[in-house]
Amino acid sequence: MRAPIASGLYFGEAPRWHAHELWFSDIHGQRVHRTALEGGRGDVREVLRLADDLPSGLGWLPDGRLLVVAMDTQQLRRVEPDGTVVVHADLSVVATGTLNDMVVGPDGTAYVGDTGWRMWVERREIVPGRLLVVSPAGETVQVVEGMMAPNGMTLLADRLVVAEPAASRLTAFCVAGDGTLADRRPFAELDALKPVAPDGICGDAEGAVWLADPVGRRVVRVRDGGAVTDVLDFAERPVACVLAGTDRRTLAVCVAPDWHREAVLRAPLARIEVFDVPVSGAGTP
C-alpha cells in the first residue's frame, strides 16, 4: 500500500478513472471531487457540490458531460459545460428506494441501482430493489426487478456485472446493442466468503472483478464462476474500488471507519488508499 491519496472525507464512494484523473463522490460531504494519482498524495479538487442531496454514482455521456446520481431525490443529474446542474432523468416515478451506484456505457446508457428502501431509515427487513436502465436522452428504457440492494457495477465488453450485497453475490447480464439487458446469470456466488456484502466493484483485463467488502473488511478479486484469487485485508471498511492510473494497475480503494450517516458526520475520517496490482483494469469504469 502507498500513502493515501485523499483523506478528510466523510464517506468516499463511486470512484471512477476518467480523463487521466480519479473522480469520486463524498456522499455525506455532498461533493464530487477529482484528483491526480501521480506524486503520492493527490491535489483533490472539488468538481460539484449538491446542496440539496447526496451524490453517489458517477459517469459520463459521450460528449463528456458528467452524470451524477442524486440519491434521495431519486434523480440522475447532468453537469452542463458551463457548470449548470440540470435533471437528466427524474427516476422518482419508477424508483422504490434510495438510488446508489451507477455505471455509464460508452454510448451514454446509464445503469442505476435502486436499493428498494430508504437507506438512512433503519429497518429490519431487506426488500428487493431494481436496476434502472436510462437512455442517453434520459428516458427509462428498462427496469430489472428483484435485485438485492444493487450496488457497484462495471461494464466488461458486452457484459454488465452488478454487486448484490444483500444476496452475497455478483450478477452478470449481456448488454444488447441498444443498451438493454438480458441473460441474467450469477457471475460469482460468494457463500464461501460469508459474511460478505459486495459493495463497489471494478473489472480487469482478465475478466475478473475486484469487490470491496465492508462487512469482511477486505477487497477481494474473483473470477467469473466465483474463484477467489486475491484478498487485501483492512483495519476499517473498504466500500468501493477502481483500477486507475495510466496503466490502470493502481487499485484505488475508498475506506471509512463506518457507513452509518450519524457516525461518519461526527468527523471526516474516510480516505482513499492505493495499491499496485499486476493485472490492468478494463471496461468501464
C-alpha atoms as a PDB file:
ATOM      1  CA  MET A   1       0.000   0.000   0.000  1.00  0.00           C
ATOM      2  CA  ARG A   2       1.120   3.515  -0.798  1.00  0.00           C
ATOM      3  CA  ALA A   3       0.202   6.609   1.197  1.00  0.00           C
ATOM      4  CA  PRO A   4      -3.477   7.614   0.923  1.00  0.00           C
ATOM      5  CA  ILE A   5      -4.086   9.978  -1.989  1.00  0.00           C
ATOM      6  CA  ALA A   6      -7.118  11.596  -0.352  1.00  0.00           C
ATOM      7  CA  SER A   7      -8.210  11.937   3.264  1.00  0.00           C
ATOM      8  CA  GLY A   8     -10.521  14.133   5.311  1.00  0.00           C
ATOM      9  CA  LEU A   9     -13.601  12.725   3.578  1.00  0.00           C
ATOM     10  CA  TYR A  10     -16.916  11.937   5.228  1.00  0.00           C
ATOM     11  CA  PHE A  11     -17.703   8.942   3.039  1.00  0.00           C
ATOM     12  CA  GLY A  12     -15.888   8.428  -0.248  1.00  0.00           C
ATOM     13  CA  GLU A  13     -17.773   6.369  -2.833  1.00  0.00           C
ATOM     14  CA  ALA A  14     -18.185   5.594  -6.544  1.00  0.00           C
ATOM     15  CA  PRO A  15     -14.540   6.068  -7.645  1.00  0.00           C
ATOM     16  CA  ARG A  16     -14.055   6.340 -11.404  1.00  0.00           C
ATOM     17  CA  TRP A  17     -10.972   6.717 -13.600  1.00  0.00           C
ATOM     18  CA  HIS A  18     -11.730   9.327 -16.252  1.00  0.00           C
ATOM     19  CA  ALA A  19      -9.656  11.733 -18.349  1.00  0.00           C
ATOM     20  CA  HIS A  20      -6.436  10.763 -16.541  1.00  0.00           C
ATOM     21  CA  GLU A  21      -7.838  11.570 -13.115  1.00  0.00           C
ATOM     22  CA  LEU A  22      -9.551   9.781 -10.243  1.00  0.00           C
ATOM     23  CA  TRP A  23     -13.089  11.058  -9.679  1.00  0.00           C
ATOM     24  CA  PHE A  24     -15.184  10.165  -6.637  1.00  0.00           C
ATOM     25  CA  SER A  25     -18.164  11.224  -4.567  1.00  0.00           C
ATOM     26  CA  ASP A  26     -18.025  12.190  -0.897  1.00  0.00           C
ATOM     27  CA  ILE A  27     -21.619  11.213  -0.158  1.00  0.00           C
ATOM     28  CA  HIS A  28     -22.098  12.803   3.235  1.00  0.00           C
ATOM     29  CA  GLY A  29     -19.818  15.697   2.343  1.00  0.00           C
ATOM     30  CA  GLN A  30     -22.289  16.325  -0.529  1.00  0.00           C
ATOM     31  CA  ARG A  31     -19.473  16.845  -3.016  1.00  0.00           C
ATOM     32  CA  VAL A  32     -17.850  15.305  -6.074  1.00  0.00           C
ATOM     33  CA  HIS A  33     -14.051  15.534  -6.317  1.00  0.00           C
ATOM     34  CA  ARG A  34     -11.261  14.655  -8.703  1.00  0.00           C
ATOM     35  CA  THR A  35      -7.527  14.184  -8.162  1.00  0.00           C
ATOM     36  CA  ALA A  36      -4.361  13.074  -9.905  1.00  0.00           C
ATOM     37  CA  LEU A  37      -2.595   9.907  -8.763  1.00  0.00           C
ATOM     38  CA  GLU A  38       0.964  10.905  -9.521  1.00  0.00           C
ATOM     39  CA  GLY A  39       3.313  12.108  -6.827  1.00  0.00           C
ATOM     40  CA  GLY A  40       1.738  10.439  -3.813  1.00  0.00           C
ATOM     41  CA  ARG A  41      -0.998  12.431  -2.142  1.00  0.00           C
ATOM     42  CA  GLY A  42      -3.134  13.990  -4.844  1.00  0.00           C
ATOM     43  CA  ASP A  43      -4.319  17.525  -5.319  1.00  0.00           C
ATOM     44  CA  VAL A  44      -8.002  16.989  -4.519  1.00  0.00           C
ATOM     45  CA  ARG A  45     -10.280  19.457  -6.282  1.00  0.00           C
ATOM     46  CA  GLU A  46     -13.985  19.984  -5.825  1.00  0.00           C
ATOM     47  CA  VAL A  47     -15.982  19.436  -9.010  1.00  0.00           C
ATOM     48  CA  LEU A  48     -19.526  19.780  -7.744  1.00  0.00           C
ATOM     49  CA  ARG A  49     -21.473  20.447  -4.557  1.00  0.00           C
ATOM     50  CA  LEU A  50     -25.042  19.176  -4.159  1.00  0.00           C
ATOM     51  CA  ALA A  51     -26.617  21.415  -1.544  1.00  0.00           C
ATOM     52  CA  ASP A  52     -29.983  19.626  -1.653  1.00  0.00           C
ATOM     53  CA  ASP A  53     -28.956  15.970  -1.921  1.00  0.00           C
ATOM     54  CA  LEU A  54     -26.224  13.332  -1.593  1.00  0.00           C
ATOM     55  CA  PRO A  55     -24.130  12.371  -4.664  1.00  0.00           C
ATOM     56  CA  SER A  56     -23.177   8.784  -5.389  1.00  0.00           C
ATOM     57  CA  GLY A  57     -22.684   7.066  -8.771  1.00  0.00           C
ATOM     58  CA  LEU A  58     -20.745   8.924 -11.479  1.00  0.00           C
ATOM     59  CA  GLY A  59     -20.472   8.545 -15.256  1.00  0.00           C
ATOM     60  CA  TRP A  60     -20.099  10.496 -18.494  1.00  0.00           C
ATOM     61  CA  LEU A  61     -22.084  10.999 -21.662  1.00  0.00           C
ATOM     62  CA  PRO A  62     -20.181  10.588 -24.967  1.00  0.00           C
ATOM     63  CA  ASP A  63     -19.751  14.371 -25.225  1.00  0.00           C
ATOM     64  CA  GLY A  64     -18.043  14.488 -21.812  1.00  0.00           C
ATOM     65  CA  ARG A  65     -20.879  15.830 -19.672  1.00  0.00           C
ATOM     66  CA  LEU A  66     -20.858  14.409 -16.151  1.00  0.00           C
ATOM     67  CA  LEU A  67     -23.814  12.422 -14.797  1.00  0.00           C
ATOM     68  CA  VAL A  68     -24.314  12.193 -11.025  1.00  0.00           C
ATOM     69  CA  VAL A  69     -26.786  10.111  -9.032  1.00  0.00           C
ATOM     70  CA  ALA A  70     -28.742  12.293  -6.573  1.00  0.00           C
ATOM     71  CA  MET A  71     -29.640   9.654  -4.019  1.00  0.00           C
ATOM     72  CA  ASP A  72     -32.609  10.924  -2.017  1.00  0.00           C
ATOM     73  CA  THR A  73     -34.429  12.899  -4.710  1.00  0.00           C
ATOM     74  CA  GLN A  74     -34.107   9.801  -6.939  1.00  0.00           C
ATOM     75  CA  GLN A  75     -32.724  11.806  -9.832  1.00  0.00           C
ATOM     76  CA  LEU A  76     -29.921  11.498 -12.339  1.00  0.00           C
ATOM     77  CA  ARG A  77     -28.378  14.929 -12.755  1.00  0.00           C
ATOM     78  CA  ARG A  78     -26.216  16.276 -15.561  1.00  0.00           C
ATOM     79  CA  VAL A  79     -23.494  18.911 -15.422  1.00  0.00           C
ATOM     80  CA  GLU A  80     -23.524  21.195 -18.453  1.00  0.00           C
ATOM     81  CA  PRO A  81     -20.313  22.668 -19.946  1.00  0.00           C
ATOM     82  CA  ASP A  82     -20.891  25.968 -18.117  1.00  0.00           C
ATOM     83  CA  GLY A  83     -21.225  24.144 -14.787  1.00  0.00           C
ATOM     84  CA  THR A  84     -25.023  24.350 -14.591  1.00  0.00           C
ATOM     85  CA  VAL A  85     -26.583  21.261 -12.991  1.00  0.00           C
ATOM     86  CA  VAL A  86     -29.842  20.042 -14.548  1.00  0.00           C
ATOM     87  CA  VAL A  87     -32.070  16.989 -14.166  1.00  0.00           C
ATOM     88  CA  HIS A  88     -31.072  14.410 -16.769  1.00  0.00           C
ATOM     89  CA  ALA A  89     -33.674  11.863 -15.621  1.00  0.00           C
ATOM     90  CA  ASP A  90     -36.284  12.031 -12.862  1.00  0.00           C
ATOM     91  CA  LEU A  91     -36.376   8.427 -11.676  1.00  0.00           C
ATOM     92  CA  SER A  92     -38.715   9.047  -8.744  1.00  0.00           C
ATOM     93  CA  VAL A  93     -41.605   7.765 -10.854  1.00  0.00           C
ATOM     94  CA  VAL A  94     -40.019   4.300 -11.072  1.00  0.00           C
ATOM     95  CA  ALA A  95     -37.637   4.070  -8.078  1.00  0.00           C
ATOM     96  CA  THR A  96     -38.804   2.399  -4.880  1.00  0.00           C
ATOM     97  CA  GLY A  97     -35.888   3.377  -2.639  1.00  0.00           C
ATOM     98  CA  THR A  98     -32.694   5.383  -2.362  1.00  0.00           C
ATOM     99  CA  LEU A  99     -30.626   5.420  -5.546  1.00  0.00           C
ATOM    100  CA  ASN A 100     -26.988   4.459  -5.137  1.00  0.00           C
ATOM    101  CA  ASP A 101     -24.256   3.465  -7.581  1.00  0.00           C
ATOM    102  CA  MET A 102     -24.191   3.717 -11.370  1.00  0.00           C
ATOM    103  CA  VAL A 103     -22.082   2.955 -14.399  1.00  0.00           C
ATOM    104  CA  VAL A 104     -22.481   4.669 -17.783  1.00  0.00           C
ATOM    105  CA  GLY A 105     -21.667   2.879 -21.026  1.00  0.00           C
ATOM    106  CA  PRO A 106     -19.708   4.339 -23.944  1.00  0.00           C
ATOM    107  CA  ASP A 107     -22.986   5.161 -25.718  1.00  0.00           C
ATOM    108  CA  GLY A 108     -24.301   7.118 -22.713  1.00  0.00           C
ATOM    109  CA  THR A 109     -26.704   4.469 -21.407  1.00  0.00           C
ATOM    110  CA  ALA A 110     -26.785   4.673 -17.614  1.00  0.00           C
ATOM    111  CA  TYR A 111     -27.323   1.713 -15.297  1.00  0.00           C
ATOM    112  CA  VAL A 112     -28.575   2.951 -11.921  1.00  0.00           C
ATOM    113  CA  GLY A 113     -29.078   0.918  -8.758  1.00  0.00           C
ATOM    114  CA  ASP A 114     -32.314   1.388  -6.791  1.00  0.00           C
ATOM    115  CA  THR A 115     -31.797  -0.167  -3.348  1.00  0.00           C
ATOM    116  CA  GLY A 116     -35.519  -0.788  -2.757  1.00  0.00           C
ATOM    117  CA  TRP A 117     -35.700   1.045   0.571  1.00  0.00           C
ATOM    118  CA  ARG A 118     -34.669   4.363   2.079  1.00  0.00           C
ATOM    119  CA  MET A 119     -31.069   3.863   3.170  1.00  0.00           C
ATOM    120  CA  TRP A 120     -30.955   6.355   6.019  1.00  0.00           C
ATOM    121  CA  VAL A 121     -34.021   4.916   7.746  1.00  0.00           C
ATOM    122  CA  GLU A 122     -33.323   1.913   9.966  1.00  0.00           C
ATOM    123  CA  ARG A 123     -35.405  -1.110   9.072  1.00  0.00           C
ATOM    124  CA  ARG A 124     -35.263  -4.800   9.936  1.00  0.00           C
ATOM    125  CA  GLU A 125     -36.363  -6.220   6.617  1.00  0.00           C
ATOM    126  CA  ILE A 126     -34.398  -6.112   3.374  1.00  0.00           C
ATOM    127  CA  VAL A 127     -36.712  -5.731   0.380  1.00  0.00           C
ATOM    128  CA  PRO A 128     -35.734  -6.294  -3.264  1.00  0.00           C
ATOM    129  CA  GLY A 129     -34.646  -3.334  -5.325  1.00  0.00           C
ATOM    130  CA  ARG A 130     -34.249  -2.919  -9.040  1.00  0.00           C
ATOM    131  CA  LEU A 131     -31.817  -1.908 -11.735  1.00  0.00           C
ATOM    132  CA  LEU A 132     -32.860   1.055 -13.876  1.00  0.00           C
ATOM    133  CA  VAL A 133     -31.610   1.379 -17.447  1.00  0.00           C
ATOM    134  CA  VAL A 134     -31.662   5.003 -18.652  1.00  0.00           C
ATOM    135  CA  SER A 135     -31.116   6.002 -22.277  1.00  0.00           C
ATOM    136  CA  PRO A 136     -28.635   8.744 -23.275  1.00  0.00           C
ATOM    137  CA  ALA A 137     -31.668  11.029 -23.689  1.00  0.00           C
ATOM    138  CA  GLY A 138     -32.707  10.474 -20.061  1.00  0.00           C
ATOM    139  CA  GLU A 139     -35.596   8.057 -20.622  1.00  0.00           C
ATOM    140  CA  THR A 140     -36.064   4.920 -18.517  1.00  0.00           C
ATOM    141  CA  VAL A 141     -35.999   2.100 -21.065  1.00  0.00           C
ATOM    142  CA  GLN A 142     -35.846  -0.956 -18.775  1.00  0.00           C
ATOM    143  CA  VAL A 143     -36.466  -1.886 -15.152  1.00  0.00           C
ATOM    144  CA  VAL A 144     -34.861  -5.102 -13.896  1.00  0.00           C
ATOM    145  CA  GLU A 145     -36.757  -6.322 -10.842  1.00  0.00           C
ATOM    146  CA  GLY A 146     -35.692  -8.489  -7.925  1.00  0.00           C
ATOM    147  CA  MET A 147     -32.168  -7.147  -7.372  1.00  0.00           C
ATOM    148  CA  MET A 148     -30.989  -7.427  -3.768  1.00  0.00           C
ATOM    149  CA  ALA A 149     -29.751  -3.911  -2.950  1.00  0.00           C
ATOM    150  CA  PRO A 150     -27.932  -3.423  -6.294  1.00  0.00           C
ATOM    151  CA  ASN A 151     -24.735  -1.523  -5.674  1.00  0.00           C
ATOM    152  CA  GLY A 152     -21.392  -1.429  -7.504  1.00  0.00           C
ATOM    153  CA  MET A 153     -21.321  -2.070 -11.253  1.00  0.00           C
ATOM    154  CA  THR A 154     -18.788  -2.500 -14.009  1.00  0.00           C
ATOM    155  CA  LEU A 155     -19.041  -2.973 -17.772  1.00  0.00           C
ATOM    156  CA  LEU A 156     -16.705  -5.560 -19.285  1.00  0.00           C
ATOM    157  CA  ALA A 157     -17.042  -5.735 -23.093  1.00  0.00           C
ATOM    158  CA  ASP A 158     -20.695  -6.662 -23.679  1.00  0.00           C
ATOM    159  CA  ARG A 159     -21.328  -7.696 -20.057  1.00  0.00           C
ATOM    160  CA  LEU A 160     -22.613  -5.738 -17.087  1.00  0.00           C
ATOM    161  CA  VAL A 161     -21.641  -7.083 -13.667  1.00  0.00           C
ATOM    162  CA  VAL A 162     -23.629  -5.874 -10.643  1.00  0.00           C
ATOM    163  CA  ALA A 163     -22.931  -6.375  -6.935  1.00  0.00           C
ATOM    164  CA  GLU A 164     -25.889  -7.544  -4.855  1.00  0.00           C
ATOM    165  CA  PRO A 165     -24.715  -7.147  -1.230  1.00  0.00           C
ATOM    166  CA  ALA A 166     -27.969  -8.360   0.310  1.00  0.00           C
ATOM    167  CA  ALA A 167     -27.597 -11.645  -1.609  1.00  0.00           C
ATOM    168  CA  SER A 168     -23.798 -12.085  -1.225  1.00  0.00           C
ATOM    169  CA  ARG A 169     -23.274 -12.368  -4.974  1.00  0.00           C
ATOM    170  CA  LEU A 170     -22.248 -10.727  -8.205  1.00  0.00           C
ATOM    171  CA  THR A 171     -24.699 -10.950 -11.109  1.00  0.00           C
ATOM    172  CA  ALA A 172     -23.948 -10.631 -14.825  1.00  0.00           C
ATOM    173  CA  PHE A 173     -26.069  -9.519 -17.780  1.00  0.00           C
ATOM    174  CA  CYS A 174     -25.492  -9.419 -21.506  1.00  0.00           C
ATOM    175  CA  VAL A 175     -25.759  -5.889 -22.917  1.00  0.00           C
ATOM    176  CA  ALA A 176     -27.632  -5.548 -26.204  1.00  0.00           C
ATOM    177  CA  GLY A 177     -26.787  -3.012 -28.899  1.00  0.00           C
ATOM    178  CA  ASP A 178     -29.475  -0.657 -27.607  1.00  0.00           C
ATOM    179  CA  GLY A 179     -28.103  -0.822 -24.057  1.00  0.00           C
ATOM    180  CA  THR A 180     -30.838  -3.039 -22.630  1.00  0.00           C
ATOM    181  CA  LEU A 181     -30.014  -6.111 -20.538  1.00  0.00           C
ATOM    182  CA  ALA A 182     -30.744  -9.818 -20.998  1.00  0.00           C
ATOM    183  CA  ASP A 183     -29.493 -13.277 -19.979  1.00  0.00           C
ATOM    184  CA  ARG A 184     -29.212 -12.607 -16.264  1.00  0.00           C
ATOM    185  CA  ARG A 185     -26.954 -15.125 -14.509  1.00  0.00           C
ATOM    186  CA  PRO A 186     -24.703 -15.466 -11.454  1.00  0.00           C
ATOM    187  CA  PHE A 187     -21.167 -14.181 -12.006  1.00  0.00           C
ATOM    188  CA  ALA A 188     -19.958 -15.215  -8.552  1.00  0.00           C
ATOM    189  CA  GLU A 189     -21.798 -16.718  -5.598  1.00  0.00           C
ATOM    190  CA  LEU A 190     -19.793 -15.645  -2.557  1.00  0.00           C
ATOM    191  CA  ASP A 191     -21.103 -18.113   0.028  1.00  0.00           C
ATOM    192  CA  ALA A 192     -17.577 -19.290   0.888  1.00  0.00           C
ATOM    193  CA  LEU A 193     -16.711 -15.735   1.995  1.00  0.00           C
ATOM    194  CA  LYS A 194     -19.745 -15.194   4.240  1.00  0.00           C
ATOM    195  CA  PRO A 195     -20.342 -12.913   5.967  1.00  0.00           C
ATOM    196  CA  VAL A 196     -19.771 -10.801   2.861  1.00  0.00           C
ATOM    197  CA  ALA A 197     -21.533  -7.826   1.291  1.00  0.00           C
ATOM    198  CA  PRO A 198     -20.004  -6.880  -2.081  1.00  0.00           C
ATOM    199  CA  ASP A 199     -20.209  -3.102  -2.449  1.00  0.00           C
ATOM    200  CA  GLY A 200     -18.288  -1.150  -5.107  1.00  0.00           C
ATOM    201  CA  ILE A 201     -16.586  -3.198  -7.837  1.00  0.00           C
ATOM    202  CA  CYS A 202     -14.305  -2.884 -10.875  1.00  0.00           C
ATOM    203  CA  GLY A 203     -13.157  -5.245 -13.634  1.00  0.00           C
ATOM    204  CA  ASP A 204      -9.751  -6.119 -15.043  1.00  0.00           C
ATOM    205  CA  ALA A 205      -8.245  -7.255 -18.339  1.00  0.00           C
ATOM    206  CA  GLU A 206      -8.580 -10.933 -17.433  1.00  0.00           C
ATOM    207  CA  GLY A 207     -12.321 -10.589 -16.890  1.00  0.00           C
ATOM    208  CA  ALA A 208     -12.021 -10.839 -13.113  1.00  0.00           C
ATOM    209  CA  VAL A 209     -13.693  -8.425 -10.686  1.00  0.00           C
ATOM    210  CA  TRP A 210     -12.323  -6.679  -7.610  1.00  0.00           C
ATOM    211  CA  LEU A 211     -15.014  -6.171  -4.971  1.00  0.00           C
ATOM    212  CA  ALA A 212     -14.961  -4.093  -1.808  1.00  0.00           C
ATOM    213  CA  ASP A 213     -16.482  -5.906   1.180  1.00  0.00           C
ATOM    214  CA  PRO A 214     -17.136  -3.580   4.144  1.00  0.00           C
ATOM    215  CA  VAL A 215     -18.550  -6.420   6.255  1.00  0.00           C
ATOM    216  CA  GLY A 216     -15.479  -8.631   5.893  1.00  0.00           C
ATOM    217  CA  ARG A 217     -13.144  -5.580   5.874  1.00  0.00           C
ATOM    218  CA  ARG A 218     -11.380  -6.730   2.729  1.00  0.00           C
ATOM    219  CA  VAL A 219     -11.106  -6.238  -1.016  1.00  0.00           C
ATOM    220  CA  VAL A 220     -11.347  -9.482  -2.969  1.00  0.00           C
ATOM    221  CA  ARG A 221     -10.561 -10.423  -6.572  1.00  0.00           C
ATOM    222  CA  VAL A 222     -12.874 -13.081  -8.017  1.00  0.00           C
ATOM    223  CA  ARG A 223     -13.109 -14.752 -11.406  1.00  0.00           C
ATOM    224  CA  ASP A 224     -16.268 -15.483 -13.346  1.00  0.00           C
ATOM    225  CA  GLY A 225     -17.609 -18.564 -11.562  1.00  0.00           C
ATOM    226  CA  GLY A 226     -16.545 -17.419  -8.090  1.00  0.00           C
ATOM    227  CA  ALA A 227     -12.890 -18.489  -7.719  1.00  0.00           C
ATOM    228  CA  VAL A 228     -11.057 -16.125  -5.350  1.00  0.00           C
ATOM    229  CA  THR A 229      -7.523 -15.176  -6.453  1.00  0.00           C
ATOM    230  CA  ASP A 230      -6.518 -12.298  -4.150  1.00  0.00           C
ATOM    231  CA  VAL A 231      -7.576 -10.830  -0.800  1.00  0.00           C
ATOM    232  CA  LEU A 232      -6.486  -7.496   0.706  1.00  0.00           C
ATOM    233  CA  ASP A 233      -7.380  -7.076   4.386  1.00  0.00           C
ATOM    234  CA  PHE A 234      -8.220  -3.739   6.034  1.00  0.00           C
ATOM    235  CA  ALA A 235      -8.494  -2.488   9.605  1.00  0.00           C
ATOM    236  CA  GLU A 236     -11.513  -0.378   8.612  1.00  0.00           C
ATOM    237  CA  ARG A 237     -14.235  -0.763   5.979  1.00  0.00           C
ATOM    238  CA  PRO A 238     -13.487  -0.631   2.238  1.00  0.00           C
ATOM    239  CA  VAL A 239     -16.651   0.356   0.367  1.00  0.00           C
ATOM    240  CA  ALA A 240     -15.624   0.833  -3.273  1.00  0.00           C
ATOM    241  CA  CYS A 241     -12.670   0.396  -5.616  1.00  0.00           C
ATOM    242  CA  VAL A 242     -11.454   1.180  -9.115  1.00  0.00           C
ATOM    243  CA  LEU A 243      -8.402   0.316 -11.219  1.00  0.00           C
ATOM    244  CA  ALA A 244      -6.834   3.667 -12.037  1.00  0.00           C
ATOM    245  CA  GLY A 245      -3.645   5.256 -13.319  1.00  0.00           C
ATOM    246  CA  THR A 246      -2.036   5.473 -16.749  1.00  0.00           C
ATOM    247  CA  ASP A 247      -1.669   1.684 -16.960  1.00  0.00           C
ATOM    248  CA  ARG A 248      -4.746   1.088 -14.771  1.00  0.00           C
ATOM    249  CA  ARG A 249      -2.738  -1.048 -12.368  1.00  0.00           C
ATOM    250  CA  THR A 250      -3.379   1.165  -9.349  1.00  0.00           C
ATOM    251  CA  LEU A 251      -6.220  -0.161  -7.230  1.00  0.00           C
ATOM    252  CA  ALA A 252      -7.811   2.849  -5.509  1.00  0.00           C
ATOM    253  CA  VAL A 253      -9.989   1.893  -2.532  1.00  0.00           C
ATOM    254  CA  CYS A 254     -12.458   4.095  -0.651  1.00  0.00           C
ATOM    255  CA  VAL A 255     -12.137   3.298   3.067  1.00  0.00           C
ATOM    256  CA  ALA A 256     -14.208   4.539   6.015  1.00  0.00           C
ATOM    257  CA  PRO A 257     -14.459   3.655   9.718  1.00  0.00           C
ATOM    258  CA  ASP A 258     -18.259   3.348   9.482  1.00  0.00           C
ATOM    259  CA  TRP A 259     -21.107   3.655   6.979  1.00  0.00           C
ATOM    260  CA  HIS A 260     -23.897   4.974   9.195  1.00  0.00           C
ATOM    261  CA  ARG A 261     -24.689   8.606   8.454  1.00  0.00           C
ATOM    262  CA  GLU A 262     -24.773   9.808  12.054  1.00  0.00           C
ATOM    263  CA  ALA A 263     -21.385   8.197  12.742  1.00  0.00           C
ATOM    264  CA  VAL A 264     -19.482   9.499   9.717  1.00  0.00           C
ATOM    265  CA  LEU A 265     -20.773  13.046  10.169  1.00  0.00           C
ATOM    266  CA  ARG A 266     -19.020  13.291  13.534  1.00  0.00           C
ATOM    267  CA  ALA A 267     -15.660  13.713  11.800  1.00  0.00           C
ATOM    268  CA  PRO A 268     -14.271  13.400   8.238  1.00  0.00           C
ATOM    269  CA  LEU A 269     -12.154  10.271   8.731  1.00  0.00           C
ATOM    270  CA  ALA A 270     -12.640   8.497   5.409  1.00  0.00           C
ATOM    271  CA  ARG A 271      -9.838   8.253   2.845  1.00  0.00           C
ATOM    272  CA  ILE A 272      -8.721   6.672  -0.422  1.00  0.00           C
ATOM    273  CA  GLU A 273      -5.864   4.165  -0.273  1.00  0.00           C
ATOM    274  CA  VAL A 274      -3.951   2.863  -3.303  1.00  0.00           C
ATOM    275  CA  PHE A 275      -2.263  -0.453  -4.098  1.00  0.00           C
ATOM    276  CA  ASP A 276      -0.225  -1.730  -7.038  1.00  0.00           C
ATOM    277  CA  VAL A 277      -1.704  -4.786  -8.770  1.00  0.00           C
ATOM    278  CA  PRO A 278      -0.344  -6.884 -11.680  1.00  0.00           C
ATOM    279  CA  VAL A 279      -3.406  -7.019 -13.956  1.00  0.00           C
ATOM    280  CA  SER A 280      -4.628  -3.774 -15.518  1.00  0.00           C
ATOM    281  CA  GLY A 281      -8.177  -2.516 -15.417  1.00  0.00           C
ATOM    282  CA  ALA A 282     -10.568  -2.956 -18.311  1.00  0.00           C
ATOM    283  CA  GLY A 283     -14.028  -1.836 -19.340  1.00  0.00           C
ATOM    284  CA  THR A 284     -15.984   0.886 -17.582  1.00  0.00           C
ATOM    285  CA  PRO A 285     -15.119   2.486 -15.241  1.00  0.00           C
END
